């Protein structure tokens, strides 16, 4: 081998990027530019674990401000426009000739010809909300074009840009950082807790049938449990880990894409989240310790694959992650967590196995009212409730619990305790409830309500069918029937009848409803529909004054209707 060749190799190695994603060889590097013109600092990472979904992109911090330019990541054309009071808010989808689509969400407004075309569609449809495919090539963009301004629209928790990369054909989302964006990260993931679960009625952890959560000590790349003694285990056991990641230029907690568990140096479980299909996103509820998530907002990732968890992120899984301990030996447990750039942290601890202690306890009598296998349809029928659970709605076989109680104040049916909120559902289930004391004149104002602690009601809607009010639910819990006879409330923020709006850029309203929820709103100026932006999280409705409000006196009318037909009007003469 020549010295010249060696020098060439060494020289090229010296100039390699300091941060190379683990899967970089699969994806084009440096084809996409950053969608912003400042260093990327993450407020949220790809695959981050959230209730009901894996996070489908990266959230780029915008310094707590809106209005930052958003750039097309590469040449292409606008393929889809999404505008909603919730979700991604205002979002653009740009298709690129290399087979990928980039997505830009929570925008403040669209730029130039893009914005003009979208506004035209909104006026044609007389709707603020849009979800439309754009004819191929109609709105072409070049790499680096400003396509929008960053915002806080939709279900955003603060100003930022949500950015995704998808395979155009499958619409599967891929971690955008796999494409070579410059996000310095030499920080290993942080491990904060481990949890050990008895998996069946005969299993024990430290001679108890209750799970054991342990804090950890250490830092950097090496951790151990705080427990002064070796943990005693017996029977079928599963493990779980609480871990987060940080990039160098952001203090925000982010998700860790790769996690592996070994017992006595033998791999028993691992998962890696590099890409996923939206059909699989709700499987996050099976990965997480769901009761702990909803009650404490802590995110323990269970190293266990439930029988009906069909996500494809798992590998090297032995017996679904269920480990049987029945000898008298000590066993080494090692968790390894790895971020996108190969930074790695390890938790090492020991458990001491023992055979069942004393007489093997009898299997307890099932306390529920019906056993529901997870891989078939299930139906529960009682005097005044019908529940249909589709196949694959459950992750595991369920010992279903149900109990009826007297109606609570403000309801017109018994309180139906439909299992409990600790068990997640993967798809919608049909719930039908028969009222017990509903006056006929209130029939069209009735909705099924979820009742949470403090007797807080949340409408789930409903349609009448053979004397039952029927709706779709995606959570177990407490349900009944309530009525909504109150019209929505319209509160003017910066306008009043007869006000001269010269020099004012917009008119704003707050629109709220007590129960059924806002179904529609319609604003008109001089009898013609006008575009009003609706932000559901702040209940704000805004009309940005434009050519649709001419100089002089104008007749403005706003009509807001809730989901059961109650209606409110705001009528005023406005001067410009």
Protein backbone atom coordinates (compact mmCIF):
# COMPACT_ATOMS: atom_id res chain seq x y z
CA UNK A 1 0.00 0.00 0.00
CA UNK A 2 1.52 3.31 -1.04
CA UNK A 3 2.26 6.14 1.38
CA UNK A 4 0.26 8.45 -0.88
CA UNK A 5 -2.85 6.24 -0.50
CA UNK A 6 -2.47 6.11 3.29
CA UNK A 7 -2.12 9.88 3.46
CA UNK A 8 -5.25 10.26 1.36
CA UNK A 9 -7.26 7.96 3.65
CA UNK A 10 -6.00 9.68 6.80
CA UNK A 11 -6.75 13.09 5.31
CA UNK A 12 -10.33 12.12 4.44
CA UNK A 13 -10.84 10.74 7.95
CA UNK A 14 -9.70 14.01 9.49
CA UNK A 15 -12.46 15.89 7.70
CA UNK A 16 -15.34 13.51 8.40
CA UNK A 17 -18.26 15.15 10.22
CA UNK A 18 -17.98 14.82 14.00
CA UNK A 19 -21.57 13.52 14.26
CA UNK A 20 -22.53 10.73 11.90
CA UNK A 21 -25.95 9.11 12.44
CA UNK A 22 -25.86 5.33 12.96
CA UNK A 23 -28.03 4.67 9.88
CA UNK A 24 -26.44 7.33 7.67
CA UNK A 25 -25.43 4.87 4.93
CA UNK A 26 -29.11 4.17 4.18
CA UNK A 27 -30.08 7.75 3.42
CA UNK A 28 -28.78 10.57 1.21
CA UNK A 29 -26.48 12.84 3.18
CA UNK A 30 -26.50 16.63 2.72
CA UNK A 31 -29.25 16.46 0.07
CA UNK A 32 -31.53 18.45 2.35
CA UNK A 33 -30.60 21.81 3.81
CA UNK A 34 -31.81 22.91 7.21
CA UNK A 35 -35.37 24.31 7.17
CA UNK A 36 -34.14 27.23 9.33
CA UNK A 37 -31.23 29.66 9.05
CA UNK A 38 -29.94 29.24 12.60
CA UNK A 39 -28.34 26.28 14.44
CA UNK A 40 -30.85 23.51 15.10
CA UNK A 41 -31.64 23.07 18.79
CA UNK A 42 -34.18 20.37 19.57
CA UNK A 43 -37.32 20.87 21.61
CA UNK A 44 -38.47 17.35 20.70
CA UNK A 45 -36.85 14.38 19.02
CA UNK A 46 -37.99 11.78 16.53
CA UNK A 47 -39.74 8.82 18.12
CA UNK A 48 -40.09 10.56 21.44
CA UNK A 49 -42.55 8.67 23.61
CA UNK A 50 -45.84 10.49 24.08
CA UNK A 51 -49.26 9.30 25.13
CA UNK A 52 -50.95 7.65 22.14
CA UNK A 53 -48.13 8.29 19.67
CA UNK A 54 -44.46 8.26 18.84
CA UNK A 55 -43.35 11.77 17.88
CA UNK A 56 -43.13 11.77 14.09
CA UNK A 57 -40.44 14.38 13.50
CA UNK A 58 -38.10 16.79 15.22
CA UNK A 59 -39.22 19.98 16.93
CA UNK A 60 -36.84 22.85 16.20
CA UNK A 61 -36.70 25.61 18.80
CA UNK A 62 -37.33 29.13 17.51
CA UNK A 63 -36.25 31.07 20.58
CA UNK A 64 -39.76 31.37 21.96
CA UNK A 65 -40.77 33.50 18.97
CA UNK A 66 -42.93 33.09 15.87
CA UNK A 67 -42.26 34.53 12.41
CA UNK A 68 -38.88 32.96 11.65
CA UNK A 69 -38.35 32.11 7.94
CA UNK A 70 -38.93 28.47 7.04
CA UNK A 71 -37.00 27.22 4.00
CA UNK A 72 -37.66 24.43 1.50
CA UNK A 73 -35.17 21.71 2.36
CA UNK A 74 -34.64 20.81 -1.32
CA UNK A 75 -36.11 21.33 -4.79
CA UNK A 76 -39.62 19.98 -5.22
CA UNK A 77 -43.26 20.96 -5.25
CA UNK A 78 -45.99 21.50 -2.68
CA UNK A 79 -47.83 18.16 -2.61
CA UNK A 80 -50.28 18.69 0.23
CA UNK A 81 -51.63 21.49 2.39
CA UNK A 82 -53.06 20.89 5.84
CA UNK A 83 -54.78 23.60 7.88
CA UNK A 84 -56.52 22.78 11.15
CA UNK A 85 -57.38 24.43 14.48
CA UNK A 86 -55.60 21.47 16.14
CA UNK A 87 -52.95 18.89 15.18
CA UNK A 88 -50.19 20.32 12.97
CA UNK A 89 -52.10 23.60 12.66
CA UNK A 90 -50.86 25.08 9.39
CA UNK A 91 -48.61 22.61 7.58
CA UNK A 92 -46.93 22.12 4.19
CA UNK A 93 -45.82 18.90 2.52
CA UNK A 94 -43.07 19.23 -0.12
CA UNK A 95 -42.41 16.26 -2.44
CA UNK A 96 -38.83 15.93 -3.71
CA UNK A 97 -37.50 14.10 -6.77
CA UNK A 98 -35.37 11.75 -4.62
CA UNK A 99 -38.47 9.96 -3.32
CA UNK A 100 -38.85 11.76 0.00
CA UNK A 101 -41.35 14.32 1.29
CA UNK A 102 -40.56 16.96 3.90
CA UNK A 103 -43.24 18.27 6.25
CA UNK A 104 -43.32 21.63 8.02
CA UNK A 105 -45.85 22.05 10.84
CA UNK A 106 -47.27 24.59 13.33
CA UNK A 107 -46.65 27.43 10.86
CA UNK A 108 -47.73 31.02 11.35
CA UNK A 109 -48.49 31.72 7.70
CA UNK A 110 -47.60 30.58 4.19
CA UNK A 111 -45.41 32.63 1.86
CA UNK A 112 -46.10 34.37 -1.45
CA UNK A 113 -47.78 32.37 -4.19
CA UNK A 114 -48.20 29.42 -1.82
CA UNK A 115 -50.19 31.51 0.65
CA UNK A 116 -52.25 33.11 -2.10
CA UNK A 117 -53.21 29.73 -3.58
CA UNK A 118 -54.14 28.33 -0.17
CA UNK A 119 -56.29 31.37 0.68
CA UNK A 120 -58.05 30.99 -2.68
CA UNK A 121 -58.89 27.36 -1.84
CA UNK A 122 -60.20 28.40 1.57
CA UNK A 123 -62.51 30.94 -0.07
CA UNK A 124 -63.66 28.41 -2.67
CA UNK A 125 -64.50 25.89 0.07
CA UNK A 126 -65.56 28.58 2.55
CA UNK A 127 -63.52 26.80 5.18
CA UNK A 128 -60.51 27.70 7.30
CA UNK A 129 -59.66 23.99 7.70
CA UNK A 130 -58.14 22.29 4.66
CA UNK A 131 -56.56 18.97 3.86
CA UNK A 132 -55.98 18.89 0.13
CA UNK A 133 -53.54 17.44 -2.36
CA UNK A 134 -51.99 20.02 -4.65
CA UNK A 135 -51.73 19.17 -8.37
CA UNK A 136 -48.21 17.95 -9.09
CA UNK A 137 -45.92 20.75 -10.16
CA UNK A 138 -48.46 23.55 -9.62
CA UNK A 139 -46.50 25.11 -6.75
CA UNK A 140 -42.84 24.41 -7.44
CA UNK A 141 -40.14 25.38 -4.95
CA UNK A 142 -36.36 25.55 -5.08
CA UNK A 143 -34.02 24.55 -2.29
CA UNK A 144 -33.71 27.51 0.06
CA UNK A 145 -36.97 29.22 -0.93
CA UNK A 146 -38.87 30.73 1.99
CA UNK A 147 -42.13 28.76 2.02
CA UNK A 148 -43.60 29.93 5.34
CA UNK A 149 -42.99 31.59 8.67
CA UNK A 150 -42.62 29.54 11.83
CA UNK A 151 -45.47 29.70 14.30
CA UNK A 152 -47.40 28.13 17.14
CA UNK A 153 -50.53 26.95 15.33
CA UNK A 154 -52.51 23.81 16.03
CA UNK A 155 -51.76 21.66 19.05
CA UNK A 156 -48.38 23.25 19.65
CA UNK A 157 -47.19 23.74 23.21
CA UNK A 158 -45.12 26.80 22.29
CA UNK A 159 -43.44 28.43 19.27
CA UNK A 160 -41.38 25.93 17.27
CA UNK A 161 -41.09 24.28 13.86
CA UNK A 162 -42.16 20.65 13.54
CA UNK A 163 -40.10 19.07 10.74
CA UNK A 164 -40.47 15.60 9.21
CA UNK A 165 -38.99 13.50 6.43
CA UNK A 166 -41.22 10.79 4.92
CA UNK A 167 -40.86 8.19 2.22
CA UNK A 168 -43.17 9.61 -0.44
CA UNK A 169 -44.59 6.26 -1.47
CA UNK A 170 -45.31 4.66 1.92
CA UNK A 171 -45.60 7.90 3.92
CA UNK A 172 -43.52 6.21 6.62
CA UNK A 173 -41.68 8.79 8.71
CA UNK A 174 -37.90 8.61 9.13
CA UNK A 175 -35.75 10.35 11.70
CA UNK A 176 -34.76 13.59 9.88
CA UNK A 177 -31.36 13.55 11.58
CA UNK A 178 -30.50 10.42 9.59
CA UNK A 179 -30.09 12.75 6.60
CA UNK A 180 -27.08 14.61 7.95
CA UNK A 181 -28.46 17.74 9.59
CA UNK A 182 -25.92 19.38 11.85
CA UNK A 183 -27.08 18.78 15.43
CA UNK A 184 -24.00 18.42 17.66
CA UNK A 185 -24.45 15.54 20.07
CA UNK A 186 -21.64 14.09 22.12
CA UNK A 187 -23.84 13.67 25.20
CA UNK A 188 -24.73 10.12 26.25
CA UNK A 189 -28.31 9.31 27.26
CA UNK A 190 -29.26 9.69 30.91
CA UNK A 191 -30.76 6.80 32.88
CA UNK A 192 -32.96 7.75 35.83
CA UNK A 193 -34.82 4.63 37.00
CA UNK A 194 -35.38 0.92 36.51
CA UNK A 195 -38.56 -0.98 37.29
CA UNK A 196 -38.94 -4.70 37.93
CA UNK A 197 -42.38 -6.28 37.47
CA UNK A 198 -43.73 -9.63 38.70
CA UNK A 199 -45.41 -10.89 35.55
CA UNK A 200 -47.83 -13.47 36.89
CA UNK A 201 -49.65 -14.16 40.19
CA UNK A 202 -46.82 -16.41 41.40
CA UNK A 203 -43.88 -14.12 40.63
CA UNK A 204 -42.13 -12.10 43.35
CA UNK A 205 -39.75 -9.15 43.55
CA UNK A 206 -38.07 -8.86 46.96
CA UNK A 207 -40.71 -11.36 48.18
CA UNK A 208 -43.54 -9.04 47.10
CA UNK A 209 -46.06 -9.40 44.30
CA UNK A 210 -45.84 -5.62 43.62
CA UNK A 211 -43.51 -4.01 41.04
CA UNK A 212 -40.34 -2.40 42.38
CA UNK A 213 -39.08 0.95 41.06
CA UNK A 214 -35.46 1.79 41.83
CA UNK A 215 -33.52 4.98 41.34
CA UNK A 216 -30.04 4.82 39.88
CA UNK A 217 -26.70 6.36 40.67
CA UNK A 218 -23.81 7.26 38.39
CA UNK A 219 -23.62 9.37 35.28
CA UNK A 220 -21.85 9.81 31.99
CA UNK A 221 -21.88 6.36 30.45
CA UNK A 222 -22.14 4.18 33.56
CA UNK A 223 -25.01 3.64 36.02
CA UNK A 224 -25.94 1.28 38.83
CA UNK A 225 -29.03 0.92 41.03
CA UNK A 226 -29.22 2.69 44.38
CA UNK A 227 -30.48 -0.44 46.18
CA UNK A 228 -27.86 -1.49 48.79
CA UNK A 229 -28.83 -5.16 48.40
CA UNK A 230 -29.13 -7.53 45.49
CA UNK A 231 -32.74 -7.61 44.35
CA UNK A 232 -34.48 -10.95 44.95
CA UNK A 233 -36.62 -12.29 42.09
CA UNK A 234 -38.67 -15.41 41.51
CA UNK A 235 -40.85 -16.61 38.67
CA UNK A 236 -41.68 -14.72 35.48
CA UNK A 237 -40.25 -11.19 35.56
CA UNK A 238 -40.10 -8.28 33.12
CA UNK A 239 -37.94 -5.16 33.34
CA UNK A 240 -38.45 -1.51 32.39
CA UNK A 241 -36.19 1.52 32.07
CA UNK A 242 -36.62 5.29 32.32
CA UNK A 243 -34.13 7.07 30.10
CA UNK A 244 -33.82 10.33 28.16
CA UNK A 245 -31.34 11.90 25.75
CA UNK A 246 -29.91 15.39 25.33
CA UNK A 247 -28.15 17.07 22.42
CA UNK A 248 -25.21 19.37 23.09
CA UNK A 249 -27.00 22.65 22.36
CA UNK A 250 -30.33 21.95 24.08
CA UNK A 251 -31.32 21.19 27.64
CA UNK A 252 -34.61 19.64 26.51
CA UNK A 253 -35.24 15.99 27.35
CA UNK A 254 -35.47 13.90 24.18
CA UNK A 255 -36.21 10.29 23.36
CA UNK A 256 -33.61 7.52 23.04
CA UNK A 257 -33.98 5.56 19.79
CA UNK A 258 -32.24 2.32 20.81
CA UNK A 259 -32.53 0.21 23.95
CA UNK A 260 -31.23 -3.31 24.66
CA UNK A 261 -31.44 -5.67 27.63
CA UNK A 262 -29.23 -8.65 28.38
CA UNK A 263 -29.27 -11.19 31.20
CA UNK A 264 -25.94 -12.89 31.93
CA UNK A 265 -24.58 -11.46 28.66
CA UNK A 266 -27.39 -13.05 26.63
CA UNK A 267 -29.59 -10.61 24.65
CA UNK A 268 -33.24 -10.93 25.67
CA UNK A 269 -34.76 -7.75 24.25
CA UNK A 270 -33.98 -4.75 22.04
CA UNK A 271 -35.78 -2.12 20.01
CA UNK A 272 -34.63 0.53 17.59
CA UNK A 273 -36.78 3.38 16.29
CA UNK A 274 -35.42 4.71 13.01
CA UNK A 275 -38.68 4.91 11.04
CA UNK A 276 -42.30 3.94 11.52
CA UNK A 277 -45.69 3.87 9.85
CA UNK A 278 -48.47 6.00 11.30
CA UNK A 279 -50.57 2.85 11.66
CA UNK A 280 -48.09 1.74 14.33
CA UNK A 281 -47.77 4.96 16.28
CA UNK A 282 -50.31 4.09 18.99
CA UNK A 283 -48.30 0.99 19.95
CA UNK A 284 -46.32 3.39 22.13
CA UNK A 285 -49.01 2.76 24.77
CA UNK A 286 -47.98 -0.90 24.89
CA UNK A 287 -44.27 -0.12 25.06
CA UNK A 288 -44.75 2.24 28.00
CA UNK A 289 -45.85 1.48 31.54
CA UNK A 290 -49.23 2.99 30.68
CA UNK A 291 -50.70 3.36 34.21
CA UNK A 292 -47.54 5.12 35.37
CA UNK A 293 -47.67 7.41 32.36
CA UNK A 294 -51.26 8.58 32.86
CA UNK A 295 -51.03 8.92 36.64
CA UNK A 296 -47.48 10.30 37.06
CA UNK A 297 -46.36 11.27 33.53
CA UNK A 298 -43.25 9.13 33.95
CA UNK A 299 -42.07 7.16 30.95
CA UNK A 300 -40.84 3.69 31.82
CA UNK A 301 -40.15 1.68 28.67
CA UNK A 302 -41.07 -1.92 29.34
CA UNK A 303 -38.74 -4.49 27.80
CA UNK A 304 -41.73 -6.60 26.88
CA UNK A 305 -43.66 -7.22 23.67
CA UNK A 306 -47.36 -7.81 24.35
CA UNK A 307 -49.09 -10.56 22.32
CA UNK A 308 -50.98 -8.03 20.21
CA UNK A 309 -48.21 -5.46 19.89
CA UNK A 310 -47.51 -5.68 16.13
CA UNK A 311 -44.94 -2.91 15.93
CA UNK A 312 -41.83 -3.83 13.94
CA UNK A 313 -39.21 -2.00 16.02
CA UNK A 314 -38.20 -5.07 18.06
CA UNK A 315 -35.35 -7.56 17.66
CA UNK A 316 -33.49 -10.18 19.72
CA UNK A 317 -36.57 -10.64 21.89
CA UNK A 318 -36.62 -13.84 23.95
CA UNK A 319 -40.02 -15.07 25.15
CA UNK A 320 -41.50 -11.58 24.57
CA UNK A 321 -39.06 -10.22 27.18
CA UNK A 322 -40.48 -12.37 30.00
CA UNK A 323 -37.60 -13.89 32.01
CA UNK A 324 -38.14 -16.88 34.28
CA UNK A 325 -36.02 -16.94 37.43
CA UNK A 326 -36.22 -20.21 39.35
CA UNK A 327 -32.69 -21.15 40.43
CA UNK A 328 -30.54 -20.05 43.35
CA UNK A 329 -28.07 -18.04 41.31
CA UNK A 330 -27.16 -14.39 40.92
CA UNK A 331 -27.81 -12.95 37.46
CA UNK A 332 -26.23 -9.92 35.81
CA UNK A 333 -28.72 -7.50 34.24
CA UNK A 334 -27.41 -4.96 31.73
CA UNK A 335 -29.35 -2.21 29.99
CA UNK A 336 -27.65 -0.43 27.09
CA UNK A 337 -29.21 2.71 25.62
CA UNK A 338 -27.81 4.35 22.50
CA UNK A 339 -28.64 7.65 20.83
CA UNK A 340 -28.62 8.37 17.11
CA UNK A 341 -24.94 9.29 17.09
CA UNK A 342 -23.70 6.23 18.96
CA UNK A 343 -23.39 7.81 22.39
CA UNK A 344 -24.05 4.98 24.81
CA UNK A 345 -24.98 4.56 28.47
CA UNK A 346 -25.17 1.33 30.47
CA UNK A 347 -26.96 0.34 33.63
CA UNK A 348 -25.56 -2.76 35.34
CA UNK A 349 -27.11 -4.45 38.37
CA UNK A 350 -27.60 -7.91 39.86
CA UNK A 351 -30.64 -9.91 40.81
CA UNK A 352 -30.68 -13.04 42.98
CA UNK A 353 -33.03 -15.73 41.77
CA UNK A 354 -34.87 -18.08 44.12
CA UNK A 355 -37.44 -20.84 43.66
CA UNK A 356 -41.03 -20.15 44.72
CA UNK A 357 -41.07 -19.27 48.44
CA UNK A 358 -43.09 -21.69 50.55
CA UNK A 359 -46.29 -23.25 49.24
CA UNK A 360 -47.10 -22.24 45.69
CA UNK A 361 -50.12 -19.90 45.97
CA UNK A 362 -53.31 -20.79 44.23
CA UNK A 363 -54.16 -18.75 41.14
CA UNK A 364 -56.55 -16.03 42.30
CA UNK A 365 -60.16 -16.04 41.20
CA UNK A 366 -60.74 -13.60 38.34
CA UNK A 367 -62.38 -10.45 39.64
CA UNK A 368 -63.77 -9.22 36.33
CA UNK A 369 -67.06 -10.03 34.70
CA UNK A 370 -65.75 -11.39 31.39
CA UNK A 371 -62.48 -12.66 29.93
CA UNK A 372 -61.70 -10.92 26.64
CA UNK A 373 -59.08 -12.54 24.36
CA UNK A 374 -57.03 -9.85 22.64
CA UNK A 375 -56.96 -11.46 19.21
CA UNK A 376 -60.70 -11.64 18.62
CA UNK A 377 -63.73 -9.37 18.72
CA UNK A 378 -65.28 -8.92 22.13
CA UNK A 379 -68.77 -7.78 23.12
CA UNK A 380 -70.18 -6.83 26.49
CA UNK A 381 -73.95 -6.52 26.87
CA UNK A 382 -75.84 -5.38 29.96
CA UNK A 383 -79.31 -3.95 30.56
CA UNK A 384 -78.48 -0.41 29.45
CA UNK A 385 -74.99 -0.60 27.96
CA UNK A 386 -73.51 -2.20 24.84
CA UNK A 387 -69.75 -2.33 24.23
CA UNK A 388 -68.16 -3.67 21.03
CA UNK A 389 -64.38 -4.09 21.07
CA UNK A 390 -62.88 -4.88 17.65
CA UNK A 391 -60.22 -7.48 17.06
CA UNK A 392 -56.74 -6.15 17.88
CA UNK A 393 -58.05 -3.29 20.03
CA UNK A 394 -56.47 -4.94 23.09
CA UNK A 395 -52.75 -5.59 23.48
CA UNK A 396 -53.24 -8.46 25.93
CA UNK A 397 -56.04 -10.74 27.09
CA UNK A 398 -58.24 -8.73 29.42
CA UNK A 399 -60.07 -9.68 32.59
CA UNK A 400 -62.77 -7.11 31.84
CA UNK A 401 -64.32 -5.24 34.76
CA UNK A 402 -67.63 -3.42 34.75
CA UNK A 403 -69.88 -1.94 37.39
CA UNK A 404 -72.94 0.34 37.16
CA UNK A 405 -73.53 3.06 39.74
CA UNK A 406 -76.34 5.57 40.34
CA UNK A 407 -76.37 8.64 38.08
CA UNK A 408 -74.18 11.54 39.16
CA UNK A 409 -75.54 15.06 39.30
CA UNK A 410 -76.21 16.48 35.83
CA UNK A 411 -76.53 13.13 34.05
CA UNK A 412 -79.48 11.19 32.64
CA UNK A 413 -78.15 7.63 32.80
CA UNK A 414 -76.38 5.43 35.27
CA UNK A 415 -72.67 5.92 35.75
CA UNK A 416 -71.06 3.09 33.80
CA UNK A 417 -67.59 2.15 35.00
CA UNK A 418 -66.25 0.57 31.81
CA UNK A 419 -63.15 -1.30 32.98
CA UNK A 420 -60.53 1.31 34.02
CA UNK A 421 -58.29 3.95 32.54
CA UNK A 422 -55.11 1.95 33.26
CA UNK A 423 -55.68 -0.31 30.24
CA UNK A 424 -55.00 1.27 26.83
CA UNK A 425 -57.03 0.63 23.68
CA UNK A 426 -55.44 0.58 20.24
CA UNK A 427 -58.47 1.43 18.08
CA UNK A 428 -61.94 2.90 18.52
CA UNK A 429 -64.58 0.83 20.28
CA UNK A 430 -68.34 1.28 20.05
CA UNK A 431 -70.14 2.27 23.26
CA UNK A 432 -73.93 2.60 23.50
CA UNK A 433 -75.79 3.74 26.63
CA UNK A 434 -79.52 3.77 27.34
CA UNK A 435 -80.78 6.81 29.30
CA UNK A 436 -82.80 6.31 32.46
CA UNK A 437 -84.47 9.70 32.95
CA UNK A 438 -83.99 11.79 29.82
CA UNK A 439 -86.94 14.09 28.98
CA UNK A 440 -88.05 13.70 25.38
CA UNK A 441 -87.53 17.38 24.64
CA UNK A 442 -83.82 17.05 25.49
CA UNK A 443 -83.17 14.05 23.24
CA UNK A 444 -81.43 16.07 20.53
CA UNK A 445 -79.21 17.82 23.10
CA UNK A 446 -77.83 14.62 24.63
CA UNK A 447 -74.22 13.43 24.42
CA UNK A 448 -72.26 10.61 25.97
CA UNK A 449 -69.76 12.04 28.44
CA UNK A 450 -66.55 10.72 29.94
CA UNK A 451 -66.57 11.61 33.63
CA UNK A 452 -63.24 12.34 35.26
CA UNK A 453 -62.40 13.02 38.92
CA UNK A 454 -64.25 16.04 40.29
CA UNK A 455 -67.23 15.19 38.07
CA UNK A 456 -65.68 16.92 35.09
CA UNK A 457 -67.59 16.07 31.90
CA UNK A 458 -65.99 15.62 28.46
CA UNK A 459 -68.31 15.15 25.52
CA UNK A 460 -67.85 12.11 23.30
CA UNK A 461 -70.82 12.99 21.08
CA UNK A 462 -73.33 10.36 20.08
CA UNK A 463 -76.13 9.36 17.71
CA UNK A 464 -79.37 7.63 18.60
CA UNK A 465 -79.86 4.01 17.60
CA UNK A 466 -82.73 1.82 18.83
CA UNK A 467 -83.13 3.73 22.09
CA UNK A 468 -79.41 3.85 22.85
CA UNK A 469 -77.05 6.82 22.46
CA UNK A 470 -74.03 5.48 20.60
CA UNK A 471 -70.51 6.80 20.11
CA UNK A 472 -66.90 5.75 19.59
CA UNK A 473 -64.40 5.69 22.46
CA UNK A 474 -60.65 5.06 22.56
CA UNK A 475 -60.27 4.91 26.34
CA UNK A 476 -61.82 2.87 29.09
CA UNK A 477 -63.26 4.84 31.99
CA UNK A 478 -66.48 6.23 33.48
CA UNK A 479 -69.30 7.14 31.08
CA UNK A 480 -72.85 8.47 31.24
CA UNK A 481 -75.26 10.76 29.35
CA UNK A 482 -75.54 14.53 29.80
CA UNK A 483 -77.23 17.32 27.87
CA UNK A 484 -76.05 20.62 26.49
CA UNK A 485 -78.71 23.30 26.18
CA UNK A 486 -76.39 26.29 26.40
CA UNK A 487 -75.30 28.10 23.23
CA UNK A 488 -71.60 28.83 22.62
CA UNK A 489 -70.15 32.00 24.10
CA UNK A 490 -68.73 34.66 21.75
CA UNK A 491 -66.52 37.27 23.40
CA UNK A 492 -65.13 40.14 21.35
CA UNK A 493 -61.48 40.83 22.18
CA UNK A 494 -60.63 43.99 20.23
CA UNK A 495 -63.82 45.09 18.54
CA UNK A 496 -67.26 46.46 19.38
CA UNK A 497 -70.28 47.63 17.35
CA UNK A 498 -69.61 50.88 15.51
CA UNK A 499 -65.86 50.80 16.20
CA UNK A 500 -63.64 52.53 13.63
CA UNK A 501 -60.97 50.00 12.72
CA UNK A 502 -58.70 52.39 10.82
CA UNK A 503 -55.11 51.35 11.55
CA UNK A 504 -56.18 48.06 13.13
CA UNK A 505 -54.85 44.88 11.50
CA UNK A 506 -57.30 42.32 12.77
CA UNK A 507 -60.45 41.61 14.74
CA UNK A 508 -60.40 38.84 17.35
CA UNK A 509 -62.94 36.80 19.29
CA UNK A 510 -62.87 34.09 21.92
CA UNK A 511 -65.38 31.32 21.23
CA UNK A 512 -66.11 28.65 23.84
CA UNK A 513 -68.73 26.02 24.57
CA UNK A 514 -69.68 24.47 27.89
CA UNK A 515 -69.91 20.79 26.84
CA UNK A 516 -70.69 19.54 23.33
CA UNK A 517 -67.87 21.53 21.74
CA UNK A 518 -67.64 23.93 18.82
CA UNK A 519 -68.78 22.23 15.63
CA UNK A 520 -68.65 25.15 13.21
CA UNK A 521 -68.32 28.89 12.88
CA UNK A 522 -69.05 31.22 10.00
CA UNK A 523 -68.00 34.82 9.65
CA UNK A 524 -69.39 37.07 6.93
CA UNK A 525 -68.73 40.66 5.88
CA UNK A 526 -71.59 42.31 4.04
CA UNK A 527 -73.13 38.88 3.53
CA UNK A 528 -70.02 37.24 2.06
CA UNK A 529 -67.90 34.59 3.77
CA UNK A 530 -64.56 35.77 5.18
CA UNK A 531 -61.53 33.75 6.26
CA UNK A 532 -61.16 33.60 10.03
CA UNK A 533 -58.25 31.69 11.61
CA UNK A 534 -59.27 29.40 14.47
CA UNK A 535 -56.79 28.32 17.16
CA UNK A 536 -58.53 25.66 19.26
CA UNK A 537 -55.99 25.63 22.09
CA UNK A 538 -56.59 29.31 22.84
CA UNK A 539 -60.22 29.37 21.60
CA UNK A 540 -59.23 32.35 19.44
CA UNK A 541 -60.87 33.33 16.17
CA UNK A 542 -59.08 35.99 14.10
CA UNK A 543 -59.93 37.85 10.92
CA UNK A 544 -56.95 39.65 9.38
CA UNK A 545 -58.42 42.75 7.77
CA UNK A 546 -57.98 42.66 3.98
CA UNK A 547 -59.72 43.61 0.74
CA UNK A 548 -62.83 41.70 1.80
CA UNK A 549 -63.56 44.54 4.22
CA UNK A 550 -63.86 47.71 2.11
CA UNK A 551 -63.59 51.27 3.35
CA UNK A 552 -66.64 52.65 5.10
CA UNK A 553 -69.39 50.85 7.01
CA UNK A 554 -69.50 47.05 6.93
CA UNK A 555 -72.01 44.58 8.29
CA UNK A 556 -70.17 41.86 10.17
CA UNK A 557 -71.86 38.65 11.35
CA UNK A 558 -70.35 35.72 13.24
CA UNK A 559 -72.42 32.57 13.83
CA UNK A 560 -71.02 29.82 16.07
CA UNK A 561 -72.73 26.43 16.41
CA UNK A 562 -71.95 23.63 18.86
CA UNK A 563 -72.14 19.87 18.23
CA UNK A 564 -75.80 19.57 19.29
CA UNK A 565 -77.05 22.58 17.34
CA UNK A 566 -77.01 25.34 19.95
CA UNK A 567 -76.12 28.58 18.19
CA UNK A 568 -74.85 32.08 19.03
CA UNK A 569 -74.55 35.20 16.87
CA UNK A 570 -72.45 38.34 17.00
CA UNK A 571 -73.77 41.08 14.70
CA UNK A 572 -72.15 44.51 14.35
CA UNK A 573 -71.56 47.40 11.99
CA UNK A 574 -67.81 47.95 11.70
CA UNK A 575 -66.17 50.97 10.13
CA UNK A 576 -62.90 50.93 8.22
